[in-house]
Amino acid sequence: MKVWKSFAGEHSAKLRIIGTFKTAEDAQKAADFYNDLIDVEDKSDGGNDYFSDELMELFRKHNFSSFNENDAEQADYFYKFEPEGNQIEVLTDELDVQSIIKTFIRWGAKVELYSRHDY
């Protein structure tokens, strides 16, 4: 179970983000990275220590370092990715989705982002 750890007002973005990768293997690599990020962030005790040794090891393991502390923190608000073939689909009410977009782009995905209110 995820616990919302922030104060904010409106959470009705109703976004759909679809990453279409060249191969199912690329989709799995992106999912593995993001799922590992969620695990690392779940262990965090909060505060400003988002570049902990564990997080830096994660970036080294996946050869990826384009995140800032705010991107890493976003993982607290998402569930683990489960690729379906060469695609990953994320449904969210959050507007801060840079971490997802950066992850998808890192593994070569075409990214579609649109409002479920309208489409």
PDB file of N, CA and C in Angstrom:
ATOM      1  N   MET A   1       0.836  -1.178   0.000  1.00  0.00           N
ATOM      2  CA  MET A   1       0.000   0.000   0.000  1.00  0.00           C
ATOM      3  C   MET A   1       0.878   1.238   0.000  1.00  0.00           C
ATOM      4  N   LYS A   2       0.550   2.214  -0.827  1.00  0.00           N
ATOM      5  CA  LYS A   2       1.271   3.476  -0.874  1.00  0.00           C
ATOM      6  C   LYS A   2       0.570   4.482   0.038  1.00  0.00           C
ATOM      7  N   VAL A   3       1.348   5.240   0.770  1.00  0.00           N
ATOM      8  CA  VAL A   3       0.819   6.289   1.624  1.00  0.00           C
ATOM      9  C   VAL A   3       1.219   7.621   1.021  1.00  0.00           C
ATOM     10  N   TRP A   4       0.261   8.488   0.825  1.00  0.00           N
ATOM     11  CA  TRP A   4       0.521   9.791   0.250  1.00  0.00           C
ATOM     12  C   TRP A   4       1.244  10.620   1.283  1.00  0.00           C
ATOM     13  N   LYS A   5       2.453  11.120   0.946  1.00  0.00           N
ATOM     14  CA  LYS A   5       3.296  11.806   1.918  1.00  0.00           C
ATOM     15  C   LYS A   5       3.454  13.292   1.615  1.00  0.00           C
ATOM     16  N   SER A   6       2.465  13.925   1.049  1.00  0.00           N
ATOM     17  CA  SER A   6       2.644  15.311   0.668  1.00  0.00           C
ATOM     18  C   SER A   6       1.340  16.063   0.857  1.00  0.00           C
ATOM     19  N   PHE A   7       1.460  17.371   0.962  1.00  0.00           N
ATOM     20  CA  PHE A   7       0.274  18.216   1.020  1.00  0.00           C
ATOM     21  C   PHE A   7       0.150  18.933  -0.310  1.00  0.00           C
ATOM     22  N   ALA A   8      -1.005  18.856  -0.895  1.00  0.00           N
ATOM     23  CA  ALA A   8      -1.258  19.572  -2.144  1.00  0.00           C
ATOM     24  C   ALA A   8      -2.764  19.718  -2.303  1.00  0.00           C
ATOM     25  N   GLY A   9      -3.150  20.504  -3.243  1.00  0.00           N
ATOM     26  CA  GLY A   9      -4.560  20.742  -3.485  1.00  0.00           C
ATOM     27  C   GLY A   9      -5.137  19.766  -4.483  1.00  0.00           C
ATOM     28  N   GLU A  10      -5.371  20.199  -5.671  1.00  0.00           N
ATOM     29  CA  GLU A  10      -6.047  19.435  -6.704  1.00  0.00           C
ATOM     30  C   GLU A  10      -5.204  18.291  -7.243  1.00  0.00           C
ATOM     31  N   HIS A  11      -5.790  17.094  -7.293  1.00  0.00           N
ATOM     32  CA  HIS A  11      -5.133  15.914  -7.861  1.00  0.00           C
ATOM     33  C   HIS A  11      -6.078  15.255  -8.854  1.00  0.00           C
ATOM     34  N   SER A  12      -6.438  15.970  -9.889  1.00  0.00           N
ATOM     35  CA  SER A  12      -7.368  15.384 -10.846  1.00  0.00           C
ATOM     36  C   SER A  12      -6.835  15.514 -12.270  1.00  0.00           C
ATOM     37  N   ALA A  13      -5.555  15.310 -12.443  1.00  0.00           N
ATOM     38  CA  ALA A  13      -4.967  15.423 -13.770  1.00  0.00           C
ATOM     39  C   ALA A  13      -5.482  14.334 -14.700  1.00  0.00           C
ATOM     40  N   LYS A  14      -5.733  13.139 -14.159  1.00  0.00           N
ATOM     41  CA  LYS A  14      -6.200  11.993 -14.936  1.00  0.00           C
ATOM     42  C   LYS A  14      -5.389  11.835 -16.228  1.00  0.00           C
ATOM     43  N   LEU A  15      -4.114  11.556 -16.063  1.00  0.00           N
ATOM     44  CA  LEU A  15      -3.216  11.399 -17.208  1.00  0.00           C
ATOM     45  C   LEU A  15      -3.036   9.935 -17.573  1.00  0.00           C
ATOM     46  N   ARG A  16      -2.814   9.704 -18.851  1.00  0.00           N
ATOM     47  CA  ARG A  16      -2.382   8.397 -19.354  1.00  0.00           C
ATOM     48  C   ARG A  16      -1.045   8.635 -20.046  1.00  0.00           C
ATOM     49  N   ILE A  17      -0.050   7.863 -19.626  1.00  0.00           N
ATOM     50  CA  ILE A  17       1.276   7.944 -20.222  1.00  0.00           C
ATOM     51  C   ILE A  17       1.575   6.567 -20.808  1.00  0.00           C
ATOM     52  N   ILE A  18       1.906   6.550 -22.077  1.00  0.00           N
ATOM     53  CA  ILE A  18       2.220   5.285 -22.742  1.00  0.00           C
ATOM     54  C   ILE A  18       3.631   5.394 -23.315  1.00  0.00           C
ATOM     55  N   GLY A  19       4.472   4.470 -22.909  1.00  0.00           N
ATOM     56  CA  GLY A  19       5.807   4.361 -23.480  1.00  0.00           C
ATOM     57  C   GLY A  19       5.826   3.165 -24.418  1.00  0.00           C
ATOM     58  N   THR A  20       6.135   3.421 -25.682  1.00  0.00           N
ATOM     59  CA  THR A  20       6.250   2.343 -26.665  1.00  0.00           C
ATOM     60  C   THR A  20       7.724   2.207 -27.011  1.00  0.00           C
ATOM     61  N   PHE A  21       8.300   1.081 -26.666  1.00  0.00           N
ATOM     62  CA  PHE A  21       9.730   0.836 -26.815  1.00  0.00           C
ATOM     63  C   PHE A  21       9.998   0.043 -28.092  1.00  0.00           C
ATOM     64  N   LYS A  22      11.234   0.061 -28.545  1.00  0.00           N
ATOM     65  CA  LYS A  22      11.592  -0.685 -29.751  1.00  0.00           C
ATOM     66  C   LYS A  22      11.444  -2.183 -29.530  1.00  0.00           C
ATOM     67  N   THR A  23      11.750  -2.642 -28.325  1.00  0.00           N
ATOM     68  CA  THR A  23      11.659  -4.070 -28.021  1.00  0.00           C
ATOM     69  C   THR A  23      11.033  -4.272 -26.645  1.00  0.00           C
ATOM     70  N   ALA A  24      10.537  -5.472 -26.421  1.00  0.00           N
ATOM     71  CA  ALA A  24      10.014  -5.822 -25.106  1.00  0.00           C
ATOM     72  C   ALA A  24      11.135  -5.804 -24.074  1.00  0.00           C
ATOM     73  N   GLU A  25      12.353  -6.123 -24.501  1.00  0.00           N
ATOM     74  CA  GLU A  25      13.503  -6.097 -23.591  1.00  0.00           C
ATOM     75  C   GLU A  25      13.775  -4.680 -23.090  1.00  0.00           C
ATOM     76  N   ASP A  26      13.662  -3.690 -23.972  1.00  0.00           N
ATOM     77  CA  ASP A  26      13.846  -2.293 -23.556  1.00  0.00           C
ATOM     78  C   ASP A  26      12.758  -1.873 -22.570  1.00  0.00           C
ATOM     79  N   ALA A  27      11.523  -2.294 -22.817  1.00  0.00           N
ATOM     80  CA  ALA A  27      10.426  -1.990 -21.889  1.00  0.00           C
ATOM     81  C   ALA A  27      10.706  -2.619 -20.525  1.00  0.00           C
ATOM     82  N   GLN A  28      11.226  -3.830 -20.522  1.00  0.00           N
ATOM     83  CA  GLN A  28      11.538  -4.501 -19.259  1.00  0.00           C
ATOM     84  C   GLN A  28      12.670  -3.799 -18.518  1.00  0.00           C
ATOM     85  N   LYS A  29      13.686  -3.310 -19.246  1.00  0.00           N
ATOM     86  CA  LYS A  29      14.791  -2.580 -18.616  1.00  0.00           C
ATOM     87  C   LYS A  29      14.279  -1.306 -17.957  1.00  0.00           C
ATOM     88  N   ALA A  30      13.394  -0.579 -18.646  1.00  0.00           N
ATOM     89  CA  ALA A  30      12.817   0.642 -18.070  1.00  0.00           C
ATOM     90  C   ALA A  30      11.999   0.304 -16.825  1.00  0.00           C
ATOM     91  N   ALA A  31      11.207  -0.759 -16.903  1.00  0.00           N
ATOM     92  CA  ALA A  31      10.401  -1.175 -15.760  1.00  0.00           C
ATOM     93  C   ALA A  31      11.293  -1.599 -14.599  1.00  0.00           C
ATOM     94  N   ASP A  32      12.342  -2.347 -14.891  1.00  0.00           N
ATOM     95  CA  ASP A  32      13.261  -2.789 -13.829  1.00  0.00           C
ATOM     96  C   ASP A  32      13.873  -1.597 -13.111  1.00  0.00           C
ATOM     97  N   PHE A  33      14.322  -0.586 -13.890  1.00  0.00           N
ATOM     98  CA  PHE A  33      14.902   0.601 -13.270  1.00  0.00           C
ATOM     99  C   PHE A  33      13.877   1.292 -12.376  1.00  0.00           C
ATOM    100  N   TYR A  34      12.684   1.552 -12.912  1.00  0.00           N
ATOM    101  CA  TYR A  34      11.702   2.317 -12.145  1.00  0.00           C
ATOM    102  C   TYR A  34      11.219   1.534 -10.926  1.00  0.00           C
ATOM    103  N   ASN A  35      11.058   0.234 -11.066  1.00  0.00           N
ATOM    104  CA  ASN A  35      10.635  -0.584  -9.931  1.00  0.00           C
ATOM    105  C   ASN A  35      11.707  -0.610  -8.849  1.00  0.00           C
ATOM    106  N   ASP A  36      12.982  -0.654  -9.268  1.00  0.00           N
ATOM    107  CA  ASP A  36      14.082  -0.550  -8.298  1.00  0.00           C
ATOM    108  C   ASP A  36      14.075   0.816  -7.617  1.00  0.00           C
ATOM    109  N   LEU A  37      13.796   1.867  -8.385  1.00  0.00           N
ATOM    110  CA  LEU A  37      13.724   3.218  -7.823  1.00  0.00           C
ATOM    111  C   LEU A  37      12.627   3.301  -6.767  1.00  0.00           C
ATOM    112  N   ILE A  38      11.476   2.709  -7.050  1.00  0.00           N
ATOM    113  CA  ILE A  38      10.386   2.694  -6.074  1.00  0.00           C
ATOM    114  C   ILE A  38      10.836   1.990  -4.796  1.00  0.00           C
ATOM    115  N   ASP A  39      11.527   0.862  -4.942  1.00  0.00           N
ATOM    116  CA  ASP A  39      12.015   0.137  -3.760  1.00  0.00           C
ATOM    117  C   ASP A  39      12.990   0.976  -2.946  1.00  0.00           C
ATOM    118  N   VAL A  40      13.907   1.661  -3.607  1.00  0.00           N
ATOM    119  CA  VAL A  40      14.884   2.496  -2.906  1.00  0.00           C
ATOM    120  C   VAL A  40      14.180   3.643  -2.196  1.00  0.00           C
ATOM    121  N   GLU A  41      13.227   4.272  -2.874  1.00  0.00           N
ATOM    122  CA  GLU A  41      12.508   5.395  -2.266  1.00  0.00           C
ATOM    123  C   GLU A  41      11.625   4.934  -1.116  1.00  0.00           C
ATOM    124  N   ASP A  42      11.055   3.734  -1.200  1.00  0.00           N
ATOM    125  CA  ASP A  42      10.237   3.209  -0.110  1.00  0.00           C
ATOM    126  C   ASP A  42      11.057   3.023   1.162  1.00  0.00           C
ATOM    127  N   LYS A  43      12.345   2.757   1.013  1.00  0.00           N
ATOM    128  CA  LYS A  43      13.225   2.565   2.168  1.00  0.00           C
ATOM    129  C   LYS A  43      13.711   3.886   2.749  1.00  0.00           C
ATOM    130  N   SER A  44      13.566   4.971   1.988  1.00  0.00           N
ATOM    131  CA  SER A  44      14.049   6.276   2.432  1.00  0.00           C
ATOM    132  C   SER A  44      13.266   6.737   3.645  1.00  0.00           C
ATOM    133  N   ASP A  45      13.951   7.404   4.541  1.00  0.00           N
ATOM    134  CA  ASP A  45      13.278   7.923   5.732  1.00  0.00           C
ATOM    135  C   ASP A  45      12.826   9.362   5.538  1.00  0.00           C
ATOM    136  N   GLY A  46      12.795   9.813   4.283  1.00  0.00           N
ATOM    137  CA  GLY A  46      12.352  11.175   3.997  1.00  0.00           C
ATOM    138  C   GLY A  46      13.505  12.151   4.109  1.00  0.00           C
ATOM    139  N   GLY A  47      13.191  13.414   4.275  1.00  0.00           N
ATOM    140  CA  GLY A  47      14.229  14.429   4.356  1.00  0.00           C
ATOM    141  C   GLY A  47      14.793  14.733   2.982  1.00  0.00           C
ATOM    142  N   ASN A  48      16.046  15.180   2.942  1.00  0.00           N
ATOM    143  CA  ASN A  48      16.660  15.592   1.686  1.00  0.00           C
ATOM    144  C   ASN A  48      17.750  14.644   1.218  1.00  0.00           C
ATOM    145  N   ASP A  49      17.784  13.436   1.689  1.00  0.00           N
ATOM    146  CA  ASP A  49      18.858  12.498   1.366  1.00  0.00           C
ATOM    147  C   ASP A  49      18.502  11.639   0.159  1.00  0.00           C
ATOM    148  N   TYR A  50      18.165  12.273  -0.961  1.00  0.00           N
ATOM    149  CA  TYR A  50      17.751  11.526  -2.143  1.00  0.00           C
ATOM    150  C   TYR A  50      18.922  11.110  -3.013  1.00  0.00           C
ATOM    151  N   PHE A  51      20.110  11.470  -2.639  1.00  0.00           N
ATOM    152  CA  PHE A  51      21.287  10.973  -3.329  1.00  0.00           C
ATOM    153  C   PHE A  51      22.079  10.099  -2.355  1.00  0.00           C
ATOM    154  N   SER A  52      21.367   9.230  -1.693  1.00  0.00           N
ATOM    155  CA  SER A  52      21.975   8.293  -0.761  1.00  0.00           C
ATOM    156  C   SER A  52      22.870   7.323  -1.530  1.00  0.00           C
ATOM    157  N   ASP A  53      23.662   6.577  -0.791  1.00  0.00           N
ATOM    158  CA  ASP A  53      24.512   5.565  -1.421  1.00  0.00           C
ATOM    159  C   ASP A  53      23.679   4.563  -2.196  1.00  0.00           C
ATOM    160  N   GLU A  54      22.533   4.188  -1.646  1.00  0.00           N
ATOM    161  CA  GLU A  54      21.657   3.235  -2.316  1.00  0.00           C
ATOM    162  C   GLU A  54      21.152   3.769  -3.651  1.00  0.00           C
ATOM    163  N   LEU A  55      20.752   5.043  -3.658  1.00  0.00           N
ATOM    164  CA  LEU A  55      20.259   5.655  -4.885  1.00  0.00           C
ATOM    165  C   LEU A  55      21.376   5.789  -5.916  1.00  0.00           C
ATOM    166  N   MET A  56      22.540   6.198  -5.481  1.00  0.00           N
ATOM    167  CA  MET A  56      23.669   6.315  -6.408  1.00  0.00           C
ATOM    168  C   MET A  56      24.044   4.950  -6.984  1.00  0.00           C
ATOM    169  N   GLU A  57      23.965   3.911  -6.173  1.00  0.00           N
ATOM    170  CA  GLU A  57      24.240   2.556  -6.659  1.00  0.00           C
ATOM    171  C   GLU A  57      23.209   2.143  -7.708  1.00  0.00           C
ATOM    172  N   LEU A  58      21.959   2.512  -7.493  1.00  0.00           N
ATOM    173  CA  LEU A  58      20.908   2.229  -8.469  1.00  0.00           C
ATOM    174  C   LEU A  58      21.217   2.896  -9.804  1.00  0.00           C
ATOM    175  N   PHE A  59      21.613   4.161  -9.766  1.00  0.00           N
ATOM    176  CA  PHE A  59      21.954   4.870 -11.005  1.00  0.00           C
ATOM    177  C   PHE A  59      23.132   4.203 -11.707  1.00  0.00           C
ATOM    178  N   ARG A  60      24.140   3.785 -10.941  1.00  0.00           N
ATOM    179  CA  ARG A  60      25.291   3.096 -11.544  1.00  0.00           C
ATOM    180  C   ARG A  60      24.873   1.760 -12.156  1.00  0.00           C
ATOM    181  N   LYS A  61      24.067   1.021 -11.437  1.00  0.00           N
ATOM    182  CA  LYS A  61      23.611  -0.300 -11.908  1.00  0.00           C
ATOM    183  C   LYS A  61      22.912  -0.197 -13.257  1.00  0.00           C
ATOM    184  N   HIS A  62      22.117   0.842 -13.428  1.00  0.00           N
ATOM    185  CA  HIS A  62      21.340   1.005 -14.656  1.00  0.00           C
ATOM    186  C   HIS A  62      21.969   2.000 -15.632  1.00  0.00           C
ATOM    187  N   ASN A  63      23.162   2.476 -15.302  1.00  0.00           N
ATOM    188  CA  ASN A  63      23.870   3.435 -16.162  1.00  0.00           C
ATOM    189  C   ASN A  63      22.966   4.615 -16.531  1.00  0.00           C
ATOM    190  N   PHE A  64      22.422   5.241 -15.504  1.00  0.00           N
ATOM    191  CA  PHE A  64      21.450   6.315 -15.709  1.00  0.00           C
ATOM    192  C   PHE A  64      21.611   7.341 -14.599  1.00  0.00           C
ATOM    193  N   SER A  65      21.835   8.596 -14.970  1.00  0.00           N
ATOM    194  CA  SER A  65      22.052   9.611 -13.942  1.00  0.00           C
ATOM    195  C   SER A  65      21.370  10.940 -14.260  1.00  0.00           C
ATOM    196  N   SER A  66      20.296  10.911 -15.017  1.00  0.00           N
ATOM    197  CA  SER A  66      19.626  12.150 -15.425  1.00  0.00           C
ATOM    198  C   SER A  66      18.549  12.612 -14.450  1.00  0.00           C
ATOM    199  N   PHE A  67      18.512  12.051 -13.266  1.00  0.00           N
ATOM    200  CA  PHE A  67      17.512  12.426 -12.283  1.00  0.00           C
ATOM    201  C   PHE A  67      18.051  13.497 -11.354  1.00  0.00           C
ATOM    202  N   ASN A  68      17.137  14.334 -10.867  1.00  0.00           N
ATOM    203  CA  ASN A  68      17.470  15.212  -9.754  1.00  0.00           C
ATOM    204  C   ASN A  68      16.696  14.725  -8.539  1.00  0.00           C
ATOM    205  N   GLU A  69      16.889  15.348  -7.388  1.00  0.00           N
ATOM    206  CA  GLU A  69      16.262  14.847  -6.164  1.00  0.00           C
ATOM    207  C   GLU A  69      14.739  14.873  -6.242  1.00  0.00           C
ATOM    208  N   ASN A  70      14.175  15.820  -6.966  1.00  0.00           N
ATOM    209  CA  ASN A  70      12.717  15.861  -7.097  1.00  0.00           C
ATOM    210  C   ASN A  70      12.194  14.723  -7.964  1.00  0.00           C
ATOM    211  N   ASP A  71      12.940  14.381  -9.011  1.00  0.00           N
ATOM    212  CA  ASP A  71      12.530  13.261  -9.865  1.00  0.00           C
ATOM    213  C   ASP A  71      12.505  11.972  -9.071  1.00  0.00           C
ATOM    214  N   ALA A  72      13.550  11.734  -8.313  1.00  0.00           N
ATOM    215  CA  ALA A  72      13.627  10.494  -7.534  1.00  0.00           C
ATOM    216  C   ALA A  72      12.486  10.417  -6.529  1.00  0.00           C
ATOM    217  N   GLU A  73      12.162  11.525  -5.917  1.00  0.00           N
ATOM    218  CA  GLU A  73      11.099  11.560  -4.912  1.00  0.00           C
ATOM    219  C   GLU A  73       9.740  11.221  -5.525  1.00  0.00           C
ATOM    220  N   GLN A  74       9.534  11.512  -6.799  1.00  0.00           N
ATOM    221  CA  GLN A  74       8.252  11.225  -7.451  1.00  0.00           C
ATOM    222  C   GLN A  74       7.906   9.738  -7.418  1.00  0.00           C
ATOM    223  N   ALA A  75       8.908   8.892  -7.342  1.00  0.00           N
ATOM    224  CA  ALA A  75       8.663   7.445  -7.330  1.00  0.00           C
ATOM    225  C   ALA A  75       7.789   7.031  -6.149  1.00  0.00           C
ATOM    226  N   ASP A  76       7.751   7.848  -5.113  1.00  0.00           N
ATOM    227  CA  ASP A  76       6.910   7.546  -3.949  1.00  0.00           C
ATOM    228  C   ASP A  76       5.425   7.526  -4.307  1.00  0.00           C
ATOM    229  N   TYR A  77       5.044   8.148  -5.413  1.00  0.00           N
ATOM    230  CA  TYR A  77       3.640   8.321  -5.748  1.00  0.00           C
ATOM    231  C   TYR A  77       3.139   7.383  -6.843  1.00  0.00           C
ATOM    232  N   PHE A  78       3.974   6.446  -7.277  1.00  0.00           N
ATOM    233  CA  PHE A  78       3.588   5.556  -8.365  1.00  0.00           C
ATOM    234  C   PHE A  78       3.729   4.101  -7.961  1.00  0.00           C
ATOM    235  N   TYR A  79       3.004   3.268  -8.652  1.00  0.00           N
ATOM    236  CA  TYR A  79       3.084   1.825  -8.450  1.00  0.00           C
ATOM    237  C   TYR A  79       4.089   1.239  -9.431  1.00  0.00           C
ATOM    238  N   LYS A  80       4.475   0.016  -9.175  1.00  0.00           N
ATOM    239  CA  LYS A  80       5.463  -0.639 -10.029  1.00  0.00           C
ATOM    240  C   LYS A  80       4.919  -0.839 -11.442  1.00  0.00           C
ATOM    241  N   PHE A  81       5.840  -0.737 -12.404  1.00  0.00           N
ATOM    242  CA  PHE A  81       5.487  -0.898 -13.815  1.00  0.00           C
ATOM    243  C   PHE A  81       5.445  -2.368 -14.185  1.00  0.00           C
ATOM    244  N   GLU A  82       4.485  -2.713 -15.014  1.00  0.00           N
ATOM    245  CA  GLU A  82       4.394  -4.054 -15.568  1.00  0.00           C
ATOM    246  C   GLU A  82       4.265  -3.921 -17.076  1.00  0.00           C
ATOM    247  N   PRO A  83       5.360  -4.140 -17.800  1.00  0.00           N
ATOM    248  CA  PRO A  83       5.296  -4.009 -19.261  1.00  0.00           C
ATOM    249  C   PRO A  83       4.344  -5.042 -19.871  1.00  0.00           C
ATOM    250  N   GLU A  84       3.712  -4.635 -20.950  1.00  0.00           N
ATOM    251  CA  GLU A  84       2.917  -5.548 -21.762  1.00  0.00           C
ATOM    252  C   GLU A  84       3.532  -5.529 -23.151  1.00  0.00           C
ATOM    253  N   GLY A  85       4.354  -6.530 -23.423  1.00  0.00           N
ATOM    254  CA  GLY A  85       5.094  -6.541 -24.682  1.00  0.00           C
ATOM    255  C   GLY A  85       6.101  -5.406 -24.681  1.00  0.00           C
ATOM    256  N   ASN A  86       6.032  -4.559 -25.685  1.00  0.00           N
ATOM    257  CA  ASN A  86       6.981  -3.451 -25.777  1.00  0.00           C
ATOM    258  C   ASN A  86       6.383  -2.131 -25.280  1.00  0.00           C
ATOM    259  N   GLN A  87       5.317  -2.201 -24.474  1.00  0.00           N
ATOM    260  CA  GLN A  87       4.687  -0.986 -23.959  1.00  0.00           C
ATOM    261  C   GLN A  87       4.551  -1.020 -22.440  1.00  0.00           C
ATOM    262  N   ILE A  88       4.598   0.191 -21.888  1.00  0.00           N
ATOM    263  CA  ILE A  88       4.252   0.397 -20.480  1.00  0.00           C
ATOM    264  C   ILE A  88       3.223   1.514 -20.462  1.00  0.00           C
ATOM    265  N   GLU A  89       2.124   1.276 -19.770  1.00  0.00           N
ATOM    266  CA  GLU A  89       1.077   2.281 -19.639  1.00  0.00           C
ATOM    267  C   GLU A  89       0.937   2.661 -18.173  1.00  0.00           C
ATOM    268  N   VAL A  90       0.891   3.954 -17.916  1.00  0.00           N
ATOM    269  CA  VAL A  90       0.742   4.468 -16.556  1.00  0.00           C
ATOM    270  C   VAL A  90      -0.487   5.362 -16.521  1.00  0.00           C
ATOM    271  N   LEU A  91      -1.386   5.088 -15.594  1.00  0.00           N
ATOM    272  CA  LEU A  91      -2.547   5.945 -15.348  1.00  0.00           C
ATOM    273  C   LEU A  91      -2.310   6.637 -14.022  1.00  0.00           C
ATOM    274  N   THR A  92      -2.451   7.960 -14.002  1.00  0.00           N
ATOM    275  CA  THR A  92      -2.164   8.705 -12.778  1.00  0.00           C
ATOM    276  C   THR A  92      -2.982   9.981 -12.709  1.00  0.00           C
ATOM    277  N   ASP A  93      -3.157  10.473 -11.497  1.00  0.00           N
ATOM    278  CA  ASP A  93      -3.761  11.783 -11.268  1.00  0.00           C
ATOM    279  C   ASP A  93      -2.700  12.821 -10.950  1.00  0.00           C
ATOM    280  N   GLU A  94      -1.454  12.406 -10.902  1.00  0.00           N
ATOM    281  CA  GLU A  94      -0.338  13.304 -10.599  1.00  0.00           C
ATOM    282  C   GLU A  94       0.058  14.118 -11.837  1.00  0.00           C
ATOM    283  N   LEU A  95       0.533  15.330 -11.618  1.00  0.00           N
ATOM    284  CA  LEU A  95       1.072  16.147 -12.709  1.00  0.00           C
ATOM    285  C   LEU A  95       2.594  16.067 -12.787  1.00  0.00           C
ATOM    286  N   ASP A  96       3.246  15.716 -11.699  1.00  0.00           N
ATOM    287  CA  ASP A  96       4.702  15.592 -11.697  1.00  0.00           C
ATOM    288  C   ASP A  96       5.079  14.214 -12.208  1.00  0.00           C
ATOM    289  N   VAL A  97       5.327  14.133 -13.499  1.00  0.00           N
ATOM    290  CA  VAL A  97       5.592  12.839 -14.140  1.00  0.00           C
ATOM    291  C   VAL A  97       6.944  12.821 -14.857  1.00  0.00           C
ATOM    292  N   GLN A  98       7.812  13.773 -14.546  1.00  0.00           N
ATOM    293  CA  GLN A  98       9.102  13.850 -15.222  1.00  0.00           C
ATOM    294  C   GLN A  98       9.918  12.577 -15.043  1.00  0.00           C
ATOM    295  N   SER A  99       9.832  11.957 -13.881  1.00  0.00           N
ATOM    296  CA  SER A  99      10.627  10.753 -13.640  1.00  0.00           C
ATOM    297  C   SER A  99      10.211   9.631 -14.593  1.00  0.00           C
ATOM    298  N   ILE A 100       8.932   9.524 -14.867  1.00  0.00           N
ATOM    299  CA  ILE A 100       8.442   8.502 -15.792  1.00  0.00           C
ATOM    300  C   ILE A 100       8.909   8.823 -17.208  1.00  0.00           C
ATOM    301  N   ILE A 101       8.747  10.063 -17.614  1.00  0.00           N
ATOM    302  CA  ILE A 101       9.142  10.461 -18.967  1.00  0.00           C
ATOM    303  C   ILE A 101      10.642  10.268 -19.165  1.00  0.00           C
ATOM    304  N   LYS A 102      11.448  10.687 -18.194  1.00  0.00           N
ATOM    305  CA  LYS A 102      12.900  10.504 -18.310  1.00  0.00           C
ATOM    306  C   LYS A 102      13.274   9.025 -18.403  1.00  0.00           C
ATOM    307  N   THR A 103      12.587   8.195 -17.634  1.00  0.00           N
ATOM    308  CA  THR A 103      12.860   6.760 -17.672  1.00  0.00           C
ATOM    309  C   THR A 103      12.498   6.184 -19.033  1.00  0.00           C
ATOM    310  N   PHE A 104      11.341   6.535 -19.541  1.00  0.00           N
ATOM    311  CA  PHE A 104      10.925   6.025 -20.850  1.00  0.00           C
ATOM    312  C   PHE A 104      11.898   6.470 -21.944  1.00  0.00           C
ATOM    313  N   ILE A 105      12.262   7.737 -21.935  1.00  0.00           N
ATOM    314  CA  ILE A 105      13.169   8.255 -22.959  1.00  0.00           C
ATOM    315  C   ILE A 105      14.545   7.602 -22.860  1.00  0.00           C
ATOM    316  N   ARG A 106      15.019   7.372 -21.638  1.00  0.00           N
ATOM    317  CA  ARG A 106      16.337   6.751 -21.440  1.00  0.00           C
ATOM    318  C   ARG A 106      16.439   5.408 -22.161  1.00  0.00           C
ATOM    319  N   TRP A 107      15.347   4.645 -22.194  1.00  0.00           N
ATOM    320  CA  TRP A 107      15.369   3.346 -22.865  1.00  0.00           C
ATOM    321  C   TRP A 107      14.707   3.395 -24.236  1.00  0.00           C
ATOM    322  N   GLY A 108      14.664   4.594 -24.837  1.00  0.00           N
ATOM    323  CA  GLY A 108      14.305   4.748 -26.246  1.00  0.00           C
ATOM    324  C   GLY A 108      12.834   4.670 -26.596  1.00  0.00           C
ATOM    325  N   ALA A 109      11.964   4.995 -25.671  1.00  0.00           N
ATOM    326  CA  ALA A 109      10.529   4.905 -25.943  1.00  0.00           C
ATOM    327  C   ALA A 109       9.998   6.122 -26.678  1.00  0.00           C
ATOM    328  N   LYS A 110       8.975   5.875 -27.460  1.00  0.00           N
ATOM    329  CA  LYS A 110       8.120   6.950 -27.950  1.00  0.00           C
ATOM    330  C   LYS A 110       7.115   7.170 -26.832  1.00  0.00           C
ATOM    331  N   VAL A 111       6.955   8.408 -26.377  1.00  0.00           N
ATOM    332  CA  VAL A 111       6.113   8.695 -25.217  1.00  0.00           C
ATOM    333  C   VAL A 111       4.858   9.441 -25.652  1.00  0.00           C
ATOM    334  N   GLU A 112       3.712   8.915 -25.245  1.00  0.00           N
ATOM    335  CA  GLU A 112       2.432   9.585 -25.463  1.00  0.00           C
ATOM    336  C   GLU A 112       1.892   9.984 -24.090  1.00  0.00           C
ATOM    337  N   LEU A 113       1.439  11.214 -23.987  1.00  0.00           N
ATOM    338  CA  LEU A 113       0.919  11.730 -22.724  1.00  0.00           C
ATOM    339  C   LEU A 113      -0.352  12.494 -23.043  1.00  0.00           C
ATOM    340  N   TYR A 114      -1.447  12.078 -22.441  1.00  0.00           N
ATOM    341  CA  TYR A 114      -2.675  12.802 -22.694  1.00  0.00           C
ATOM    342  C   TYR A 114      -3.654  12.686 -21.535  1.00  0.00           C
ATOM    343  N   SER A 115      -4.642  13.582 -21.546  1.00  0.00           N
ATOM    344  CA  SER A 115      -5.637  13.662 -20.493  1.00  0.00           C
ATOM    345  C   SER A 115      -6.725  12.613 -20.711  1.00  0.00           C
ATOM    346  N   ARG A 116      -7.019  11.862 -19.667  1.00  0.00           N
ATOM    347  CA  ARG A 116      -8.127  10.915 -19.738  1.00  0.00           C
ATOM    348  C   ARG A 116      -9.471  11.651 -19.577  1.00  0.00           C
ATOM    349  N   HIS A 117      -9.430  12.922 -19.192  1.00  0.00           N
ATOM    350  CA  HIS A 117     -10.658  13.712 -19.141  1.00  0.00           C
ATOM    351  C   HIS A 117     -11.217  13.885 -20.548  1.00  0.00           C
ATOM    352  N   ASP A 118     -10.318  14.060 -21.498  1.00  0.00           N
ATOM    353  CA  ASP A 118     -10.722  14.418 -22.864  1.00  0.00           C
ATOM    354  C   ASP A 118     -10.582  13.292 -23.882  1.00  0.00           C
ATOM    355  N   TYR A 119      -9.748  12.279 -23.610  1.00  0.00           N
ATOM    356  CA  TYR A 119      -9.484  11.233 -24.608  1.00  0.00           C
ATOM    357  C   TYR A 119      -9.624   9.861 -24.001  1.00  0.00           C
TER     358      TYR A 119
END
